């Protein structure tokens, strides 16, 4: 929390010759000592999606109707504040401001602080991990569940990404998908007969494998699943995919991101090289959130999916210089998007080219938090 700043007193507090920790209040029979109190609380961004850092919270100390002092503090990264050393047995009005804007809806008036009392202001409605319902598709090459647990998320279920039947059953039920605020796709889950149909034995033909119907007029289950995911996002849901789960994004929203390789062929973009990238933060708000312009991203496994370009409707959050290999030839991409997002209807899709759990530095965790606050 920022150091408390105090405006110069306008008058001397005529409450007796006492130290900063006590007041002597005359009584008809005796003098009693009143200890100072505190007011604690939290400030939410007006959007309701994140706790607000660096909001100014202040209150006036009065003698009668005369303001003799003003106590000011600033909220920390989690939006928390604490006003200390407030004379006890007095009433206070709590004012809040961010930049030049007053946060009128969160201000509090007529707060009574008793003798030595700490008053906790009820928290406003705001983004809270415990109130977010999450589904995680497990995979061999990332572990969102570990990261989310460390971030305080508790309301999540895991779907076995190695099981075609379980994954088909989960993703083919749109009403079930609607019960979750965010669905995370770890890289390395089953994709054939789920995200795209399994190729048939006849070269060049696409069959439906065990998960679809033959030429019977039935809608292939892969078509149902991809339409469900598009509908889920359009209605306000959010998808966060990483690493090899890029096919979810490429198959679902093919016009948004141009990956290397042939975008019409599943897994064709998995060409990225081992690399340690000094990624530039291309999102000014994210840079302010992180208080840095660069973070380190490690591609500890090869054959990840580099991005060539994105459409104008896609927001780019991190960029870096990366390399990929086709056959014996190596190619370089300058300022390749590494973390991107886009809206579709009322919902949002986020894709990170890197494995989140492997890169769980404090900066990457803060980046993940920022992205989730904006989902």
Foldseek 3Di string as FASTA:
>chain_A
DDDKDKDAFPDDPPQDPDDLAWGWHDDPVDTDTFGWAKEKEFAADPVQLATDWFKKKKKFQDDVPHGGMMIIDTAHLRRMDMGTSHGAQDFIWMWIGDDPGTPVVPTGGGDHGHRHYYHYDDYDRHDDLQPFAEEEEDFDAACVPVLSVVVPHDRYYYFDLQDLVRLLVQLLDLVNLLVGQEYEYEAHGDCDLAQAHPCDPPPPRGDRPPNADGPPPDDRSNVSSLVSVLVSQQVAHEYEYEWLVCSSVCSNPVQFFAWPADSVDRLRQQFFDWDWWFKAFPDVVLCVLLVHGTDIATAHDGRTIWTQDGDPQKAAGIFTWTWGDDDHDIDIHGRTGQWMKGGRNNGIYIYGSGHQRVVVDVSSSSVVSVVSSVD
